[in-house]
Amino acid sequence: MIQRIQTLYLLVSAILVAFLFALPFAEIVKDGAIYLFNFKGILLDGTLKENGTAISILIGIILALHGFAILSYKKRIRQIRVIVFAILIMLGLFGMFFFFTYYTFSGAQISFKISMVFPLVAIILDYLAIRAIGKDEALIRSIDRIR
């Protein structure tokens, strides 16, 4: 149901997560070489230095969970559980961002891009969606009590 505010929150959150496939996460400068960190991994002049398949898989799972949550608007409790699971995976994704940048390169200059905050903004939007779904569930339960 696209007219519900929680659906809009989830849709914007999914769009932000989808942008992670298009935008770089960081630039890493080590010994004069500039490495690019994106969903494929860490690249130096187009050649892969660190594989980012795990990050790609996590982003895909998060997108699938958001799509499932949007489509399961009739079952609100399941929708909340799916969103909470997506939030936990996004926290893991955020941790993987820092693991890839700091574990791979010690003592390097790291320049994070704006796409690094997209998972945090998506988590906030998911939290707002959970609150709105909870309000809907409370409204439905109060109407059932009246009958």
N, C-alpha and C. Protein backbone atom coordinates (compact mmCIF):
# COMPACT_ATOMS: atom_id res chain seq x y z
N MET A 1 0.85 -1.17 0.00
CA MET A 1 0.00 0.00 0.00
C MET A 1 0.89 1.23 0.00
N ILE A 2 1.04 1.82 -1.15
CA ILE A 2 1.98 2.93 -1.32
C ILE A 2 1.53 4.19 -0.59
N GLN A 3 0.24 4.30 -0.26
CA GLN A 3 -0.20 5.52 0.39
C GLN A 3 0.12 5.55 1.87
N ARG A 4 0.57 4.46 2.44
CA ARG A 4 0.95 4.43 3.84
C ARG A 4 2.34 5.03 4.02
N ILE A 5 2.54 5.75 5.10
CA ILE A 5 3.81 6.44 5.31
C ILE A 5 4.94 5.46 5.52
N GLN A 6 4.65 4.29 6.14
CA GLN A 6 5.72 3.33 6.36
C GLN A 6 6.22 2.74 5.05
N THR A 7 5.35 2.64 4.06
CA THR A 7 5.77 2.15 2.75
C THR A 7 6.70 3.15 2.09
N LEU A 8 6.40 4.41 2.26
CA LEU A 8 7.29 5.44 1.70
C LEU A 8 8.65 5.44 2.40
N TYR A 9 8.64 5.26 3.72
CA TYR A 9 9.91 5.15 4.45
C TYR A 9 10.73 3.97 3.92
N LEU A 10 10.08 2.83 3.76
CA LEU A 10 10.78 1.65 3.29
C LEU A 10 11.26 1.81 1.86
N LEU A 11 10.48 2.47 1.02
CA LEU A 11 10.87 2.69 -0.37
C LEU A 11 12.08 3.61 -0.46
N VAL A 12 12.09 4.69 0.30
CA VAL A 12 13.25 5.60 0.30
C VAL A 12 14.48 4.89 0.86
N SER A 13 14.28 4.08 1.89
CA SER A 13 15.38 3.31 2.46
C SER A 13 15.95 2.34 1.43
N ALA A 14 15.09 1.67 0.69
CA ALA A 14 15.56 0.73 -0.34
C ALA A 14 16.29 1.47 -1.46
N ILE A 15 15.84 2.65 -1.81
CA ILE A 15 16.52 3.43 -2.85
C ILE A 15 17.91 3.85 -2.39
N LEU A 16 18.02 4.26 -1.12
CA LEU A 16 19.34 4.62 -0.59
C LEU A 16 20.28 3.43 -0.59
N VAL A 17 19.78 2.26 -0.24
CA VAL A 17 20.62 1.07 -0.24
C VAL A 17 20.99 0.70 -1.68
N ALA A 18 20.08 0.88 -2.62
CA ALA A 18 20.37 0.57 -4.02
C ALA A 18 21.45 1.49 -4.58
N PHE A 19 21.52 2.72 -4.09
CA PHE A 19 22.57 3.64 -4.53
C PHE A 19 23.97 3.15 -4.16
N LEU A 20 24.05 2.24 -3.20
CA LEU A 20 25.35 1.70 -2.82
C LEU A 20 25.98 0.90 -3.95
N PHE A 21 25.17 0.39 -4.88
CA PHE A 21 25.71 -0.31 -6.03
C PHE A 21 26.34 0.65 -7.04
N ALA A 22 25.96 1.92 -6.99
CA ALA A 22 26.43 2.86 -7.99
C ALA A 22 27.53 3.80 -7.50
N LEU A 23 27.56 4.08 -6.22
CA LEU A 23 28.49 5.09 -5.70
C LEU A 23 29.66 4.44 -4.96
N PRO A 24 30.83 5.08 -5.01
CA PRO A 24 31.98 4.55 -4.24
C PRO A 24 31.80 4.85 -2.76
N PHE A 25 32.40 4.00 -1.93
CA PHE A 25 32.31 4.18 -0.49
C PHE A 25 33.43 5.05 0.05
N ALA A 26 34.64 4.87 -0.49
CA ALA A 26 35.79 5.60 0.03
C ALA A 26 36.92 5.59 -1.00
N GLU A 27 37.84 6.53 -0.80
CA GLU A 27 39.11 6.53 -1.51
C GLU A 27 40.20 6.37 -0.47
N ILE A 28 41.12 5.48 -0.75
CA ILE A 28 42.19 5.17 0.20
C ILE A 28 43.51 5.51 -0.46
N VAL A 29 44.30 6.35 0.19
CA VAL A 29 45.61 6.73 -0.33
C VAL A 29 46.67 6.05 0.53
N LYS A 30 47.45 5.20 -0.12
CA LYS A 30 48.52 4.47 0.57
C LYS A 30 49.75 4.47 -0.33
N ASP A 31 50.84 5.02 0.13
CA ASP A 31 52.11 5.09 -0.59
C ASP A 31 51.97 5.73 -1.97
N GLY A 32 51.16 6.78 -2.06
CA GLY A 32 50.98 7.50 -3.31
C GLY A 32 49.99 6.87 -4.26
N ALA A 33 49.50 5.69 -3.97
CA ALA A 33 48.51 5.03 -4.82
C ALA A 33 47.12 5.31 -4.27
N ILE A 34 46.19 5.56 -5.19
CA ILE A 34 44.81 5.85 -4.80
C ILE A 34 43.96 4.62 -5.10
N TYR A 35 43.43 4.02 -4.04
CA TYR A 35 42.56 2.86 -4.15
C TYR A 35 41.11 3.33 -4.06
N LEU A 36 40.24 2.70 -4.81
CA LEU A 36 38.82 3.02 -4.80
C LEU A 36 38.08 1.85 -4.16
N PHE A 37 37.25 2.16 -3.18
CA PHE A 37 36.49 1.14 -2.47
C PHE A 37 35.02 1.28 -2.85
N ASN A 38 34.49 0.27 -3.53
CA ASN A 38 33.07 0.25 -3.89
C ASN A 38 32.52 -1.14 -3.63
N PHE A 39 31.33 -1.44 -4.16
CA PHE A 39 30.68 -2.72 -3.86
C PHE A 39 31.44 -3.91 -4.44
N LYS A 40 32.30 -3.69 -5.42
CA LYS A 40 33.09 -4.78 -5.99
C LYS A 40 34.26 -5.15 -5.09
N GLY A 41 34.71 -4.20 -4.31
CA GLY A 41 35.86 -4.41 -3.43
C GLY A 41 36.76 -3.20 -3.48
N ILE A 42 38.04 -3.44 -3.27
CA ILE A 42 39.03 -2.36 -3.30
C ILE A 42 39.80 -2.50 -4.61
N LEU A 43 39.77 -1.44 -5.39
CA LEU A 43 40.36 -1.45 -6.73
C LEU A 43 41.52 -0.47 -6.82
N LEU A 44 42.54 -0.84 -7.57
CA LEU A 44 43.64 0.05 -7.89
C LEU A 44 43.77 0.06 -9.41
N ASP A 45 43.42 1.19 -10.01
CA ASP A 45 43.45 1.36 -11.46
C ASP A 45 42.66 0.27 -12.18
N GLY A 46 41.51 -0.09 -11.64
CA GLY A 46 40.65 -1.07 -12.28
C GLY A 46 40.95 -2.52 -11.95
N THR A 47 42.07 -2.77 -11.29
CA THR A 47 42.39 -4.15 -10.91
C THR A 47 41.96 -4.38 -9.46
N LEU A 48 41.39 -5.52 -9.22
CA LEU A 48 40.84 -5.86 -7.91
C LEU A 48 41.94 -6.25 -6.93
N LYS A 49 42.02 -5.54 -5.81
CA LYS A 49 42.99 -5.86 -4.76
C LYS A 49 42.35 -6.65 -3.62
N GLU A 50 41.15 -6.29 -3.22
CA GLU A 50 40.39 -6.99 -2.19
C GLU A 50 38.99 -7.25 -2.74
N ASN A 51 38.54 -8.49 -2.63
CA ASN A 51 37.25 -8.87 -3.17
C ASN A 51 36.13 -8.39 -2.25
N GLY A 52 35.09 -7.80 -2.83
CA GLY A 52 33.97 -7.28 -2.06
C GLY A 52 32.69 -8.04 -2.28
N THR A 53 32.79 -9.33 -2.56
CA THR A 53 31.60 -10.13 -2.83
C THR A 53 30.68 -10.16 -1.61
N ALA A 54 31.23 -10.22 -0.42
CA ALA A 54 30.40 -10.24 0.79
C ALA A 54 29.58 -8.97 0.92
N ILE A 55 30.17 -7.84 0.57
CA ILE A 55 29.44 -6.58 0.64
C ILE A 55 28.32 -6.56 -0.40
N SER A 56 28.60 -7.04 -1.60
CA SER A 56 27.58 -7.10 -2.64
C SER A 56 26.42 -8.01 -2.23
N ILE A 57 26.74 -9.13 -1.62
CA ILE A 57 25.70 -10.05 -1.18
C ILE A 57 24.85 -9.42 -0.08
N LEU A 58 25.49 -8.75 0.87
CA LEU A 58 24.73 -8.09 1.94
C LEU A 58 23.82 -7.00 1.40
N ILE A 59 24.30 -6.22 0.46
CA ILE A 59 23.46 -5.17 -0.13
C ILE A 59 22.28 -5.80 -0.86
N GLY A 60 22.51 -6.89 -1.57
CA GLY A 60 21.42 -7.58 -2.26
C GLY A 60 20.40 -8.15 -1.30
N ILE A 61 20.86 -8.73 -0.19
CA ILE A 61 19.94 -9.27 0.82
C ILE A 61 19.11 -8.15 1.44
N ILE A 62 19.75 -7.03 1.72
CA ILE A 62 19.02 -5.89 2.30
C ILE A 62 17.95 -5.39 1.34
N LEU A 63 18.29 -5.30 0.06
CA LEU A 63 17.29 -4.87 -0.93
C LEU A 63 16.14 -5.86 -1.02
N ALA A 64 16.45 -7.16 -1.00
CA ALA A 64 15.39 -8.18 -1.06
C ALA A 64 14.49 -8.11 0.17
N LEU A 65 15.08 -7.89 1.34
CA LEU A 65 14.28 -7.78 2.56
C LEU A 65 13.37 -6.56 2.53
N HIS A 66 13.87 -5.45 2.00
CA HIS A 66 13.03 -4.27 1.89
C HIS A 66 11.88 -4.50 0.92
N GLY A 67 12.18 -5.16 -0.20
CA GLY A 67 11.11 -5.47 -1.15
C GLY A 67 10.07 -6.38 -0.54
N PHE A 68 10.52 -7.40 0.21
CA PHE A 68 9.59 -8.31 0.88
C PHE A 68 8.76 -7.57 1.92
N ALA A 69 9.39 -6.66 2.66
CA ALA A 69 8.67 -5.90 3.68
C ALA A 69 7.62 -4.98 3.06
N ILE A 70 7.95 -4.39 1.94
CA ILE A 70 6.97 -3.52 1.27
C ILE A 70 5.78 -4.33 0.78
N LEU A 71 6.04 -5.51 0.25
CA LEU A 71 4.96 -6.33 -0.30
C LEU A 71 4.14 -7.06 0.76
N SER A 72 4.63 -7.17 1.97
CA SER A 72 3.89 -7.87 3.02
C SER A 72 3.19 -6.88 3.95
N TYR A 73 2.49 -5.92 3.37
CA TYR A 73 1.84 -4.89 4.16
C TYR A 73 0.62 -5.41 4.92
N LYS A 74 0.08 -6.55 4.52
CA LYS A 74 -1.10 -7.08 5.22
C LYS A 74 -0.72 -7.79 6.52
N LYS A 75 0.50 -8.25 6.63
CA LYS A 75 0.97 -8.94 7.83
C LYS A 75 1.99 -8.04 8.52
N ARG A 76 1.49 -7.19 9.40
CA ARG A 76 2.30 -6.13 9.98
C ARG A 76 3.37 -6.66 10.94
N ILE A 77 3.07 -7.68 11.70
CA ILE A 77 4.07 -8.21 12.65
C ILE A 77 5.24 -8.82 11.88
N ARG A 78 4.95 -9.57 10.82
CA ARG A 78 6.02 -10.13 10.00
C ARG A 78 6.83 -9.01 9.35
N GLN A 79 6.13 -7.96 8.94
CA GLN A 79 6.80 -6.82 8.32
C GLN A 79 7.79 -6.18 9.31
N ILE A 80 7.39 -6.04 10.55
CA ILE A 80 8.29 -5.48 11.56
C ILE A 80 9.50 -6.38 11.76
N ARG A 81 9.29 -7.68 11.82
CA ARG A 81 10.41 -8.61 12.02
C ARG A 81 11.39 -8.57 10.85
N VAL A 82 10.87 -8.48 9.65
CA VAL A 82 11.74 -8.41 8.47
C VAL A 82 12.55 -7.12 8.48
N ILE A 83 11.94 -6.02 8.88
CA ILE A 83 12.65 -4.75 8.92
C ILE A 83 13.73 -4.76 10.00
N VAL A 84 13.43 -5.36 11.15
CA VAL A 84 14.44 -5.45 12.21
C VAL A 84 15.62 -6.29 11.73
N PHE A 85 15.35 -7.38 11.02
CA PHE A 85 16.42 -8.20 10.47
C PHE A 85 17.25 -7.40 9.46
N ALA A 86 16.58 -6.59 8.63
CA ALA A 86 17.29 -5.75 7.67
C ALA A 86 18.16 -4.72 8.38
N ILE A 87 17.68 -4.18 9.49
CA ILE A 87 18.47 -3.22 10.26
C ILE A 87 19.73 -3.89 10.80
N LEU A 88 19.59 -5.10 11.32
CA LEU A 88 20.76 -5.82 11.84
C LEU A 88 21.78 -6.10 10.73
N ILE A 89 21.30 -6.45 9.55
CA ILE A 89 22.22 -6.69 8.44
C ILE A 89 22.89 -5.39 8.00
N MET A 90 22.15 -4.27 8.04
CA MET A 90 22.75 -2.99 7.68
C MET A 90 23.83 -2.58 8.68
N LEU A 91 23.63 -2.90 9.95
CA LEU A 91 24.68 -2.63 10.94
C LEU A 91 25.91 -3.48 10.63
N GLY A 92 25.70 -4.72 10.24
CA GLY A 92 26.81 -5.57 9.83
C GLY A 92 27.51 -5.04 8.59
N LEU A 93 26.74 -4.52 7.65
CA LEU A 93 27.31 -3.92 6.43
C LEU A 93 28.16 -2.71 6.78
N PHE A 94 27.66 -1.90 7.69
CA PHE A 94 28.42 -0.73 8.12
C PHE A 94 29.72 -1.15 8.79
N GLY A 95 29.67 -2.20 9.58
CA GLY A 95 30.89 -2.73 10.19
C GLY A 95 31.86 -3.26 9.15
N MET A 96 31.34 -3.89 8.11
CA MET A 96 32.20 -4.41 7.04
C MET A 96 32.88 -3.28 6.28
N PHE A 97 32.20 -2.15 6.13
CA PHE A 97 32.82 -0.99 5.49
C PHE A 97 34.11 -0.62 6.23
N PHE A 98 34.00 -0.50 7.54
CA PHE A 98 35.17 -0.10 8.32
C PHE A 98 36.21 -1.22 8.39
N PHE A 99 35.78 -2.45 8.41
CA PHE A 99 36.72 -3.56 8.41
C PHE A 99 37.54 -3.55 7.13
N PHE A 100 36.88 -3.37 5.99
CA PHE A 100 37.60 -3.36 4.73
C PHE A 100 38.58 -2.20 4.65
N THR A 101 38.21 -1.04 5.14
CA THR A 101 39.09 0.12 5.00
C THR A 101 40.24 0.11 6.00
N TYR A 102 39.96 -0.21 7.25
CA TYR A 102 40.99 -0.11 8.27
C TYR A 102 41.82 -1.39 8.42
N TYR A 103 41.23 -2.55 8.19
CA TYR A 103 41.98 -3.80 8.34
C TYR A 103 42.92 -4.00 7.16
N THR A 104 42.45 -3.68 5.98
CA THR A 104 43.26 -3.89 4.77
C THR A 104 44.43 -2.93 4.71
N PHE A 105 44.21 -1.68 5.10
CA PHE A 105 45.25 -0.66 5.00
C PHE A 105 45.47 -0.03 6.36
N SER A 106 46.61 -0.29 6.95
CA SER A 106 46.94 0.37 8.21
C SER A 106 47.84 1.58 7.90
N GLY A 107 47.50 2.69 8.50
CA GLY A 107 48.29 3.89 8.30
C GLY A 107 48.01 4.61 6.99
N ALA A 108 46.92 4.32 6.36
CA ALA A 108 46.57 4.98 5.09
C ALA A 108 45.62 6.13 5.36
N GLN A 109 45.58 7.06 4.42
CA GLN A 109 44.63 8.16 4.50
C GLN A 109 43.35 7.71 3.82
N ILE A 110 42.26 7.77 4.58
CA ILE A 110 40.98 7.30 4.07
C ILE A 110 40.04 8.48 3.95
N SER A 111 39.46 8.62 2.77
CA SER A 111 38.49 9.67 2.50
C SER A 111 37.14 9.00 2.22
N PHE A 112 36.25 9.04 3.23
CA PHE A 112 34.94 8.43 3.08
C PHE A 112 34.05 9.31 2.22
N LYS A 113 33.20 8.68 1.43
CA LYS A 113 32.27 9.39 0.56
C LYS A 113 30.91 9.47 1.23
N ILE A 114 29.99 10.21 0.60
CA ILE A 114 28.66 10.42 1.16
C ILE A 114 27.86 9.13 1.23
N SER A 115 28.20 8.16 0.39
CA SER A 115 27.44 6.91 0.39
C SER A 115 27.67 6.09 1.66
N MET A 116 28.65 6.43 2.46
CA MET A 116 28.87 5.72 3.73
C MET A 116 27.76 5.98 4.74
N VAL A 117 27.08 7.11 4.63
CA VAL A 117 26.00 7.40 5.57
C VAL A 117 24.65 6.86 5.10
N PHE A 118 24.56 6.37 3.87
CA PHE A 118 23.29 5.85 3.37
C PHE A 118 22.74 4.71 4.24
N PRO A 119 23.56 3.75 4.69
CA PRO A 119 22.99 2.73 5.57
C PRO A 119 22.48 3.29 6.90
N LEU A 120 23.14 4.30 7.44
CA LEU A 120 22.66 4.90 8.69
C LEU A 120 21.33 5.62 8.49
N VAL A 121 21.20 6.35 7.39
CA VAL A 121 19.94 7.02 7.08
C VAL A 121 18.85 5.98 6.83
N ALA A 122 19.20 4.89 6.17
CA ALA A 122 18.24 3.82 5.92
C ALA A 122 17.79 3.18 7.23
N ILE A 123 18.70 3.04 8.19
CA ILE A 123 18.33 2.49 9.49
C ILE A 123 17.34 3.41 10.20
N ILE A 124 17.58 4.71 10.14
CA ILE A 124 16.66 5.67 10.75
C ILE A 124 15.29 5.60 10.08
N LEU A 125 15.26 5.52 8.75
CA LEU A 125 13.99 5.42 8.04
C LEU A 125 13.27 4.11 8.37
N ASP A 126 14.03 3.04 8.51
CA ASP A 126 13.42 1.77 8.89
C ASP A 126 12.83 1.82 10.29
N TYR A 127 13.52 2.51 11.19
CA TYR A 127 12.99 2.68 12.54
C TYR A 127 11.68 3.46 12.50
N LEU A 128 11.64 4.52 11.70
CA LEU A 128 10.40 5.30 11.57
C LEU A 128 9.28 4.45 10.97
N ALA A 129 9.63 3.57 10.03
CA ALA A 129 8.64 2.67 9.44
C ALA A 129 8.11 1.70 10.50
N ILE A 130 8.99 1.19 11.35
CA ILE A 130 8.55 0.28 12.41
C ILE A 130 7.58 0.98 13.36
N ARG A 131 7.88 2.21 13.70
CA ARG A 131 6.97 2.98 14.57
C ARG A 131 5.61 3.17 13.91
N ALA A 132 5.60 3.50 12.61
CA ALA A 132 4.33 3.70 11.91
C ALA A 132 3.55 2.40 11.79
N ILE A 133 4.24 1.29 11.56
CA ILE A 133 3.57 -0.01 11.49
C ILE A 133 2.99 -0.36 12.85
N GLY A 134 3.72 -0.07 13.92
CA GLY A 134 3.22 -0.31 15.27
C GLY A 134 1.96 0.50 15.57
N LYS A 135 1.93 1.74 15.10
CA LYS A 135 0.73 2.55 15.29
C LYS A 135 -0.45 1.97 14.52
N ASP A 136 -0.22 1.50 13.32
CA ASP A 136 -1.28 0.86 12.55
C ASP A 136 -1.79 -0.39 13.25
N GLU A 137 -0.88 -1.19 13.76
CA GLU A 137 -1.26 -2.42 14.46
C GLU A 137 -2.08 -2.09 15.70
N ALA A 138 -1.69 -1.06 16.44
CA ALA A 138 -2.44 -0.65 17.63
C ALA A 138 -3.84 -0.16 17.24
N LEU A 139 -3.95 0.56 16.14
CA LEU A 139 -5.24 1.04 15.66
C LEU A 139 -6.14 -0.13 15.28
N ILE A 140 -5.60 -1.11 14.58
CA ILE A 140 -6.38 -2.27 14.17
C ILE A 140 -6.84 -3.05 15.40
N ARG A 141 -5.97 -3.21 16.38
CA ARG A 141 -6.35 -3.95 17.59
C ARG A 141 -7.42 -3.21 18.38
N SER A 142 -7.36 -1.88 18.41
CA SER A 142 -8.37 -1.12 19.14
C SER A 142 -9.72 -1.20 18.43
N ILE A 143 -9.70 -1.25 17.11
CA ILE A 143 -10.96 -1.38 16.37
C ILE A 143 -11.56 -2.76 16.59
N ASP A 144 -10.71 -3.79 16.64
CA ASP A 144 -11.20 -5.14 16.90
C ASP A 144 -11.78 -5.27 18.30
N ARG A 145 -11.28 -4.52 19.23
CA ARG A 145 -11.76 -4.57 20.61
C ARG A 145 -13.15 -3.97 20.71
N ILE A 146 -13.45 -2.95 19.90
CA ILE A 146 -14.73 -2.29 19.95
C ILE A 146 -15.86 -3.21 19.45
N ARG A 147 -15.54 -4.02 18.42
CA ARG A 147 -16.58 -4.89 17.85
C ARG A 147 -17.03 -5.92 18.77
